[in-house]
Amino acid sequence: MSVTREMPSTSGRSLAAAYRRALNLAGSIPLSLVQLAGRVAVAHVFWQSAQTKLASWPVTLQLFAFEYNLPLIEPALAAPLATAAEIIGAALLFLGLFSRLGALMLLGVVAVIQIFVYPGHWGEHLMWSSLLLLILARGAGVVSLDHLVDGYFRRGA
């Protein structure tokens, strides 16, 4: 004779409770961690892009002249402006210093890329823009120089 145990059935109630626990766990992720991850991720993308431009400047100028075809601005001016915006914006985001300004700069770069250069890559541009909009709307977070500077001035120094 064998003894069999009945397995407890998964009721709708226990499934709902597990779902609520998962939501509560996800809700406990600090916003500052999300802000830091978003800043570093976007900063990395644009820093790498700027480094690629600088590493092969003649090719960069050719791309701006023959592939990107930006209206209203000469390629010889557009290339250094775009590169400077990527370097400065990425550095500001990485440091979390004037991060909203850095996010705004890079949103401008993304808008130009989306409208004039690679409109078909909207999914990637939307991802970058979403992270940049988070930083623009909520700031750099606790792990940033913005937070330290803000704390310094709030103390009345």
N, C-alpha and C. Protein backbone atom coordinates (compact mmCIF):
# COMPACT_ATOMS: atom_id res chain seq x y z
N MET A 1 0.84 -1.16 0.00
CA MET A 1 0.00 0.00 0.00
C MET A 1 0.89 1.23 0.00
N SER A 2 0.60 2.12 -0.89
CA SER A 2 1.40 3.34 -0.95
C SER A 2 0.58 4.52 -0.44
N VAL A 3 1.32 5.42 0.14
CA VAL A 3 0.67 6.62 0.67
C VAL A 3 0.95 7.76 -0.31
N THR A 4 -0.07 8.38 -0.73
CA THR A 4 0.11 9.54 -1.61
C THR A 4 -0.39 10.78 -0.90
N ARG A 5 0.37 11.81 -1.09
CA ARG A 5 -0.05 13.08 -0.51
C ARG A 5 -0.73 13.91 -1.59
N GLU A 6 -1.69 14.61 -1.16
CA GLU A 6 -2.31 15.54 -2.09
C GLU A 6 -1.51 16.82 -2.08
N MET A 7 -1.20 17.27 -3.26
CA MET A 7 -0.50 18.55 -3.37
C MET A 7 -1.53 19.65 -3.21
N PRO A 8 -1.15 20.67 -2.47
CA PRO A 8 -2.12 21.76 -2.34
C PRO A 8 -2.32 22.42 -3.70
N SER A 9 -3.56 22.68 -3.99
CA SER A 9 -3.85 23.28 -5.30
C SER A 9 -3.53 24.77 -5.25
N THR A 10 -3.07 25.24 -6.37
CA THR A 10 -2.77 26.66 -6.47
C THR A 10 -4.09 27.38 -6.70
N SER A 11 -4.50 28.05 -5.69
CA SER A 11 -5.77 28.76 -5.82
C SER A 11 -5.53 30.14 -6.38
N GLY A 12 -6.58 30.74 -6.83
CA GLY A 12 -6.49 32.09 -7.35
C GLY A 12 -6.00 33.06 -6.29
N ARG A 13 -6.34 32.76 -5.04
CA ARG A 13 -5.93 33.63 -3.94
C ARG A 13 -4.42 33.62 -3.73
N SER A 14 -3.82 32.44 -3.77
CA SER A 14 -2.37 32.37 -3.55
C SER A 14 -1.62 32.93 -4.76
N LEU A 15 -2.17 32.77 -5.94
CA LEU A 15 -1.56 33.35 -7.12
C LEU A 15 -1.61 34.88 -7.05
N ALA A 16 -2.73 35.41 -6.62
CA ALA A 16 -2.87 36.86 -6.48
C ALA A 16 -1.92 37.38 -5.41
N ALA A 17 -1.76 36.63 -4.33
CA ALA A 17 -0.84 37.04 -3.26
C ALA A 17 0.60 37.04 -3.76
N ALA A 18 0.96 36.03 -4.54
CA ALA A 18 2.32 35.98 -5.10
C ALA A 18 2.55 37.15 -6.05
N TYR A 19 1.54 37.47 -6.82
CA TYR A 19 1.64 38.61 -7.74
C TYR A 19 1.83 39.91 -6.96
N ARG A 20 1.06 40.10 -5.90
CA ARG A 20 1.21 41.31 -5.07
C ARG A 20 2.59 41.38 -4.44
N ARG A 21 3.11 40.24 -3.99
CA ARG A 21 4.47 40.23 -3.41
C ARG A 21 5.50 40.63 -4.46
N ALA A 22 5.33 40.13 -5.67
CA ALA A 22 6.26 40.49 -6.75
C ALA A 22 6.18 41.98 -7.06
N LEU A 23 4.97 42.52 -7.09
CA LEU A 23 4.81 43.96 -7.32
C LEU A 23 5.43 44.78 -6.20
N ASN A 24 5.23 44.34 -4.97
CA ASN A 24 5.82 45.06 -3.83
C ASN A 24 7.34 45.01 -3.89
N LEU A 25 7.88 43.87 -4.29
CA LEU A 25 9.33 43.74 -4.41
C LEU A 25 9.85 44.69 -5.49
N ALA A 26 9.19 44.71 -6.64
CA ALA A 26 9.60 45.62 -7.71
C ALA A 26 9.44 47.07 -7.28
N GLY A 27 8.39 47.35 -6.52
CA GLY A 27 8.15 48.71 -6.04
C GLY A 27 9.16 49.17 -5.01
N SER A 28 9.90 48.25 -4.44
CA SER A 28 10.89 48.62 -3.42
C SER A 28 12.25 48.99 -4.03
N ILE A 29 12.38 48.87 -5.34
CA ILE A 29 13.63 49.28 -6.00
C ILE A 29 13.74 50.79 -5.87
N PRO A 30 14.82 51.29 -5.31
CA PRO A 30 14.95 52.74 -5.13
C PRO A 30 15.00 53.47 -6.47
N LEU A 31 14.27 54.57 -6.55
CA LEU A 31 14.28 55.39 -7.76
C LEU A 31 15.69 55.86 -8.08
N SER A 32 16.48 56.13 -7.04
CA SER A 32 17.85 56.61 -7.28
C SER A 32 18.68 55.57 -8.02
N LEU A 33 18.41 54.29 -7.80
CA LEU A 33 19.12 53.24 -8.52
C LEU A 33 18.71 53.24 -10.00
N VAL A 34 17.44 53.43 -10.26
CA VAL A 34 16.94 53.51 -11.63
C VAL A 34 17.54 54.74 -12.33
N GLN A 35 17.59 55.86 -11.62
CA GLN A 35 18.16 57.08 -12.19
C GLN A 35 19.65 56.89 -12.51
N LEU A 36 20.38 56.29 -11.59
CA LEU A 36 21.81 56.05 -11.82
C LEU A 36 22.02 55.13 -13.02
N ALA A 37 21.27 54.04 -13.07
CA ALA A 37 21.41 53.10 -14.20
C ALA A 37 21.06 53.78 -15.52
N GLY A 38 20.01 54.56 -15.53
CA GLY A 38 19.62 55.27 -16.75
C GLY A 38 20.67 56.27 -17.20
N ARG A 39 21.22 57.01 -16.23
CA ARG A 39 22.26 57.99 -16.56
C ARG A 39 23.48 57.31 -17.16
N VAL A 40 23.94 56.26 -16.51
CA VAL A 40 25.16 55.58 -16.97
C VAL A 40 24.93 54.91 -18.33
N ALA A 41 23.77 54.30 -18.51
CA ALA A 41 23.48 53.62 -19.78
C ALA A 41 23.48 54.60 -20.95
N VAL A 42 22.78 55.70 -20.80
CA VAL A 42 22.70 56.67 -21.90
C VAL A 42 24.04 57.37 -22.09
N ALA A 43 24.70 57.71 -20.99
CA ALA A 43 26.01 58.36 -21.09
C ALA A 43 26.98 57.48 -21.86
N HIS A 44 26.95 56.18 -21.59
CA HIS A 44 27.85 55.25 -22.27
C HIS A 44 27.62 55.26 -23.79
N VAL A 45 26.36 55.22 -24.19
CA VAL A 45 26.03 55.20 -25.62
C VAL A 45 26.62 56.42 -26.32
N PHE A 46 26.39 57.60 -25.75
CA PHE A 46 26.83 58.82 -26.42
C PHE A 46 28.32 59.06 -26.27
N TRP A 47 28.91 58.62 -25.17
CA TRP A 47 30.36 58.73 -25.01
C TRP A 47 31.06 57.87 -26.07
N GLN A 48 30.58 56.64 -26.24
CA GLN A 48 31.16 55.75 -27.25
C GLN A 48 31.00 56.33 -28.65
N SER A 49 29.86 56.90 -28.92
CA SER A 49 29.63 57.51 -30.23
C SER A 49 30.62 58.64 -30.48
N ALA A 50 30.83 59.48 -29.49
CA ALA A 50 31.79 60.59 -29.63
C ALA A 50 33.21 60.07 -29.81
N GLN A 51 33.57 59.04 -29.07
CA GLN A 51 34.92 58.48 -29.19
C GLN A 51 35.15 57.89 -30.58
N THR A 52 34.12 57.27 -31.13
CA THR A 52 34.22 56.73 -32.49
C THR A 52 34.41 57.85 -33.50
N LYS A 53 33.67 58.93 -33.33
CA LYS A 53 33.83 60.08 -34.23
C LYS A 53 35.25 60.63 -34.15
N LEU A 54 35.76 60.79 -32.94
CA LEU A 54 37.10 61.37 -32.75
C LEU A 54 38.20 60.45 -33.27
N ALA A 55 38.01 59.15 -33.14
CA ALA A 55 39.04 58.19 -33.55
C ALA A 55 39.24 58.17 -35.06
N SER A 56 38.21 58.53 -35.79
CA SER A 56 38.33 58.54 -37.26
C SER A 56 37.67 59.81 -37.79
N TRP A 57 38.27 60.93 -37.46
CA TRP A 57 37.68 62.23 -37.80
C TRP A 57 37.44 62.42 -39.31
N PRO A 58 38.36 62.04 -40.19
CA PRO A 58 38.08 62.20 -41.62
C PRO A 58 36.84 61.42 -42.07
N VAL A 59 36.66 60.24 -41.53
CA VAL A 59 35.47 59.45 -41.86
C VAL A 59 34.23 60.13 -41.31
N THR A 60 34.34 60.68 -40.10
CA THR A 60 33.22 61.40 -39.50
C THR A 60 32.78 62.55 -40.39
N LEU A 61 33.74 63.32 -40.88
CA LEU A 61 33.40 64.44 -41.76
C LEU A 61 32.73 63.96 -43.04
N GLN A 62 33.20 62.84 -43.58
CA GLN A 62 32.57 62.29 -44.79
C GLN A 62 31.14 61.84 -44.51
N LEU A 63 30.93 61.22 -43.35
CA LEU A 63 29.57 60.79 -43.00
C LEU A 63 28.64 61.99 -42.89
N PHE A 64 29.10 63.04 -42.23
CA PHE A 64 28.26 64.23 -42.10
C PHE A 64 28.01 64.88 -43.46
N ALA A 65 28.98 64.79 -44.36
CA ALA A 65 28.83 65.42 -45.67
C ALA A 65 27.95 64.62 -46.62
N PHE A 66 28.08 63.29 -46.60
CA PHE A 66 27.44 62.49 -47.65
C PHE A 66 26.32 61.56 -47.17
N GLU A 67 26.32 61.18 -45.91
CA GLU A 67 25.26 60.27 -45.46
C GLU A 67 24.21 60.99 -44.64
N TYR A 68 24.61 61.79 -43.69
CA TYR A 68 23.66 62.39 -42.75
C TYR A 68 22.84 63.51 -43.40
N ASN A 69 23.46 64.30 -44.28
CA ASN A 69 22.74 65.34 -45.03
C ASN A 69 21.84 66.20 -44.15
N LEU A 70 22.40 66.79 -43.12
CA LEU A 70 21.61 67.67 -42.26
C LEU A 70 21.30 68.97 -42.99
N PRO A 71 20.06 69.44 -42.90
CA PRO A 71 19.73 70.71 -43.55
C PRO A 71 20.20 71.89 -42.70
N LEU A 72 20.41 73.00 -43.33
CA LEU A 72 20.68 74.28 -42.66
C LEU A 72 22.02 74.40 -41.95
N ILE A 73 22.86 73.40 -42.01
CA ILE A 73 24.14 73.48 -41.31
C ILE A 73 25.19 72.74 -42.14
N GLU A 74 26.34 73.33 -42.24
CA GLU A 74 27.43 72.73 -43.00
C GLU A 74 28.00 71.53 -42.25
N PRO A 75 28.37 70.47 -42.96
CA PRO A 75 28.96 69.29 -42.31
C PRO A 75 30.19 69.61 -41.46
N ALA A 76 31.01 70.56 -41.92
CA ALA A 76 32.22 70.92 -41.18
C ALA A 76 31.89 71.57 -39.84
N LEU A 77 30.70 72.11 -39.68
CA LEU A 77 30.26 72.68 -38.41
C LEU A 77 29.42 71.67 -37.62
N ALA A 78 28.59 70.90 -38.32
CA ALA A 78 27.72 69.93 -37.66
C ALA A 78 28.50 68.84 -36.94
N ALA A 79 29.57 68.35 -37.56
CA ALA A 79 30.34 67.26 -36.96
C ALA A 79 30.95 67.64 -35.61
N PRO A 80 31.67 68.77 -35.51
CA PRO A 80 32.21 69.11 -34.19
C PRO A 80 31.13 69.48 -33.17
N LEU A 81 30.04 70.10 -33.62
CA LEU A 81 28.96 70.42 -32.69
C LEU A 81 28.32 69.15 -32.12
N ALA A 82 28.04 68.19 -32.99
CA ALA A 82 27.44 66.94 -32.54
C ALA A 82 28.38 66.19 -31.60
N THR A 83 29.65 66.16 -31.94
CA THR A 83 30.64 65.47 -31.11
C THR A 83 30.77 66.14 -29.76
N ALA A 84 30.82 67.47 -29.74
CA ALA A 84 30.91 68.20 -28.47
C ALA A 84 29.66 67.97 -27.62
N ALA A 85 28.49 67.98 -28.24
CA ALA A 85 27.25 67.73 -27.50
C ALA A 85 27.26 66.34 -26.89
N GLU A 86 27.75 65.36 -27.63
CA GLU A 86 27.82 63.99 -27.10
C GLU A 86 28.80 63.89 -25.95
N ILE A 87 29.96 64.50 -26.08
CA ILE A 87 30.97 64.43 -25.01
C ILE A 87 30.48 65.15 -23.76
N ILE A 88 30.03 66.38 -23.93
CA ILE A 88 29.60 67.17 -22.77
C ILE A 88 28.36 66.56 -22.13
N GLY A 89 27.37 66.21 -22.94
CA GLY A 89 26.15 65.61 -22.40
C GLY A 89 26.43 64.30 -21.66
N ALA A 90 27.26 63.46 -22.25
CA ALA A 90 27.59 62.17 -21.61
C ALA A 90 28.35 62.39 -20.31
N ALA A 91 29.30 63.32 -20.30
CA ALA A 91 30.07 63.59 -19.08
C ALA A 91 29.16 64.12 -17.97
N LEU A 92 28.27 65.05 -18.32
CA LEU A 92 27.35 65.60 -17.32
C LEU A 92 26.45 64.52 -16.75
N LEU A 93 25.95 63.64 -17.60
CA LEU A 93 25.09 62.56 -17.11
C LEU A 93 25.85 61.58 -16.24
N PHE A 94 27.04 61.20 -16.67
CA PHE A 94 27.82 60.24 -15.90
C PHE A 94 28.13 60.77 -14.51
N LEU A 95 28.52 62.04 -14.44
CA LEU A 95 28.82 62.65 -13.15
C LEU A 95 27.57 63.01 -12.36
N GLY A 96 26.47 63.15 -13.06
CA GLY A 96 25.26 63.61 -12.39
C GLY A 96 25.38 65.08 -12.01
N LEU A 97 26.09 65.83 -12.81
CA LEU A 97 26.30 67.26 -12.58
C LEU A 97 25.59 68.03 -13.69
N PHE A 98 24.70 68.93 -13.31
CA PHE A 98 23.86 69.61 -14.30
C PHE A 98 23.22 68.56 -15.22
N SER A 99 22.74 67.50 -14.60
CA SER A 99 22.26 66.35 -15.37
C SER A 99 21.05 66.69 -16.23
N ARG A 100 20.20 67.58 -15.76
CA ARG A 100 19.04 67.94 -16.58
C ARG A 100 19.49 68.67 -17.85
N LEU A 101 20.50 69.50 -17.73
CA LEU A 101 21.06 70.17 -18.91
C LEU A 101 21.66 69.15 -19.87
N GLY A 102 22.42 68.19 -19.32
CA GLY A 102 23.00 67.14 -20.15
C GLY A 102 21.93 66.32 -20.85
N ALA A 103 20.86 66.00 -20.12
CA ALA A 103 19.76 65.23 -20.71
C ALA A 103 19.09 66.03 -21.83
N LEU A 104 18.91 67.32 -21.61
CA LEU A 104 18.30 68.17 -22.63
C LEU A 104 19.18 68.25 -23.88
N MET A 105 20.49 68.38 -23.68
CA MET A 105 21.41 68.40 -24.82
C MET A 105 21.30 67.12 -25.64
N LEU A 106 21.32 65.99 -24.94
CA LEU A 106 21.29 64.71 -25.65
C LEU A 106 19.92 64.43 -26.27
N LEU A 107 18.85 64.95 -25.65
CA LEU A 107 17.54 64.84 -26.30
C LEU A 107 17.53 65.59 -27.62
N GLY A 108 18.22 66.72 -27.67
CA GLY A 108 18.36 67.45 -28.93
C GLY A 108 19.10 66.64 -29.97
N VAL A 109 20.17 65.99 -29.54
CA VAL A 109 20.94 65.13 -30.46
C VAL A 109 20.06 64.00 -30.97
N VAL A 110 19.31 63.37 -30.06
CA VAL A 110 18.43 62.26 -30.46
C VAL A 110 17.37 62.76 -31.44
N ALA A 111 16.82 63.93 -31.18
CA ALA A 111 15.78 64.47 -32.08
C ALA A 111 16.34 64.68 -33.49
N VAL A 112 17.54 65.22 -33.58
CA VAL A 112 18.16 65.43 -34.90
C VAL A 112 18.40 64.09 -35.59
N ILE A 113 18.91 63.13 -34.84
CA ILE A 113 19.17 61.80 -35.42
C ILE A 113 17.85 61.18 -35.91
N GLN A 114 16.82 61.27 -35.08
CA GLN A 114 15.53 60.67 -35.42
C GLN A 114 14.90 61.33 -36.65
N ILE A 115 14.91 62.64 -36.68
CA ILE A 115 14.21 63.36 -37.75
C ILE A 115 14.98 63.35 -39.06
N PHE A 116 16.29 63.58 -38.99
CA PHE A 116 17.05 63.82 -40.22
C PHE A 116 17.98 62.68 -40.65
N VAL A 117 18.42 61.85 -39.72
CA VAL A 117 19.48 60.90 -40.05
C VAL A 117 18.94 59.48 -40.20
N TYR A 118 18.40 58.92 -39.12
CA TYR A 118 17.93 57.54 -39.14
C TYR A 118 16.51 57.44 -38.59
N PRO A 119 15.52 57.92 -39.32
CA PRO A 119 14.14 57.88 -38.81
C PRO A 119 13.61 56.46 -38.62
N GLY A 120 14.18 55.50 -39.29
CA GLY A 120 13.73 54.12 -39.15
C GLY A 120 14.17 53.46 -37.85
N HIS A 121 15.07 54.07 -37.14
CA HIS A 121 15.58 53.48 -35.89
C HIS A 121 14.85 54.06 -34.68
N TRP A 122 13.57 54.32 -34.82
CA TRP A 122 12.82 54.99 -33.78
C TRP A 122 12.76 54.21 -32.46
N GLY A 123 12.82 52.90 -32.52
CA GLY A 123 12.77 52.10 -31.29
C GLY A 123 13.96 52.38 -30.39
N GLU A 124 15.13 52.41 -30.98
CA GLU A 124 16.34 52.71 -30.21
C GLU A 124 16.31 54.15 -29.71
N HIS A 125 15.85 55.06 -30.54
CA HIS A 125 15.78 56.47 -30.15
C HIS A 125 14.75 56.67 -29.04
N LEU A 126 13.66 55.91 -29.09
CA LEU A 126 12.64 55.99 -28.04
C LEU A 126 13.20 55.51 -26.71
N MET A 127 14.01 54.46 -26.75
CA MET A 127 14.63 53.96 -25.52
C MET A 127 15.55 55.01 -24.91
N TRP A 128 16.41 55.61 -25.73
CA TRP A 128 17.30 56.66 -25.23
C TRP A 128 16.48 57.83 -24.68
N SER A 129 15.48 58.24 -25.45
CA SER A 129 14.67 59.39 -25.06
C SER A 129 13.93 59.14 -23.76
N SER A 130 13.45 57.92 -23.56
CA SER A 130 12.74 57.59 -22.33
C SER A 130 13.64 57.76 -21.11
N LEU A 131 14.86 57.27 -21.20
CA LEU A 131 15.79 57.43 -20.09
C LEU A 131 16.16 58.90 -19.89
N LEU A 132 16.36 59.62 -20.98
CA LEU A 132 16.70 61.04 -20.87
C LEU A 132 15.53 61.84 -20.29
N LEU A 133 14.30 61.49 -20.66
CA LEU A 133 13.13 62.17 -20.10
C LEU A 133 12.97 61.88 -18.62
N LEU A 134 13.31 60.66 -18.19
CA LEU A 134 13.30 60.34 -16.76
C LEU A 134 14.25 61.26 -16.01
N ILE A 135 15.44 61.44 -16.53
CA ILE A 135 16.44 62.30 -15.90
C ILE A 135 15.98 63.75 -15.93
N LEU A 136 15.43 64.18 -17.04
CA LEU A 136 14.94 65.55 -17.17
C LEU A 136 13.82 65.81 -16.17
N ALA A 137 12.91 64.86 -16.01
CA ALA A 137 11.75 65.04 -15.14
C ALA A 137 12.06 64.84 -13.66
N ARG A 138 12.91 63.88 -13.33
CA ARG A 138 13.14 63.52 -11.93
C ARG A 138 14.54 63.87 -11.42
N GLY A 139 15.42 64.28 -12.30
CA GLY A 139 16.77 64.63 -11.88
C GLY A 139 17.69 63.43 -11.87
N ALA A 140 18.90 63.68 -11.39
CA ALA A 140 19.96 62.66 -11.43
C ALA A 140 19.85 61.64 -10.31
N GLY A 141 19.15 61.95 -9.25
CA GLY A 141 19.02 61.02 -8.14
C GLY A 141 20.03 61.29 -7.04
N VAL A 142 19.98 60.46 -6.03
CA VAL A 142 20.81 60.63 -4.83
C VAL A 142 22.28 60.39 -5.13
N VAL A 143 22.58 59.47 -6.03
CA VAL A 143 23.97 59.15 -6.35
C VAL A 143 24.43 60.07 -7.49
N SER A 144 24.63 61.34 -7.15
CA SER A 144 25.01 62.32 -8.17
C SER A 144 25.65 63.54 -7.51
N LEU A 145 26.40 64.25 -8.31
CA LEU A 145 26.95 65.52 -7.84
C LEU A 145 25.85 66.56 -7.70
N ASP A 146 24.82 66.48 -8.52
CA ASP A 146 23.67 67.38 -8.37
C ASP A 146 23.10 67.30 -6.96
N HIS A 147 22.97 66.09 -6.45
CA HIS A 147 22.42 65.89 -5.10
C HIS A 147 23.34 66.51 -4.05
N LEU A 148 24.64 66.32 -4.20
CA LEU A 148 25.59 66.91 -3.25
C LEU A 148 25.56 68.43 -3.29
N VAL A 149 25.54 68.99 -4.48
CA VAL A 149 25.49 70.45 -4.63
C VAL A 149 24.19 71.00 -4.06
N ASP A 150 23.09 70.33 -4.35
CA ASP A 150 21.80 70.76 -3.83
C ASP A 150 21.80 70.73 -2.30
N GLY A 151 22.35 69.67 -1.71
CA GLY A 151 22.43 69.58 -0.26
C GLY A 151 23.29 70.69 0.33
N TYR A 152 24.36 71.02 -0.34
CA TYR A 152 25.25 72.10 0.12
C TYR A 152 24.50 73.43 0.16
N PHE A 153 23.77 73.73 -0.89
CA PHE A 153 23.06 75.01 -0.95
C PHE A 153 21.84 75.03 -0.05
N ARG A 154 21.23 73.89 0.21
CA ARG A 154 20.08 73.83 1.12
C ARG A 154 20.49 74.10 2.56
N ARG A 155 21.72 73.76 2.89
CA ARG A 155 22.21 74.01 4.26
C ARG A 155 22.55 75.48 4.46
N GLY A 156 22.44 76.26 3.41
CA GLY A 156 22.67 77.68 3.54
C GLY A 156 24.11 78.10 3.40
N ALA A 157 24.94 77.25 2.84
CA ALA A 157 26.36 77.60 2.70
C ALA A 157 26.56 78.52 1.52
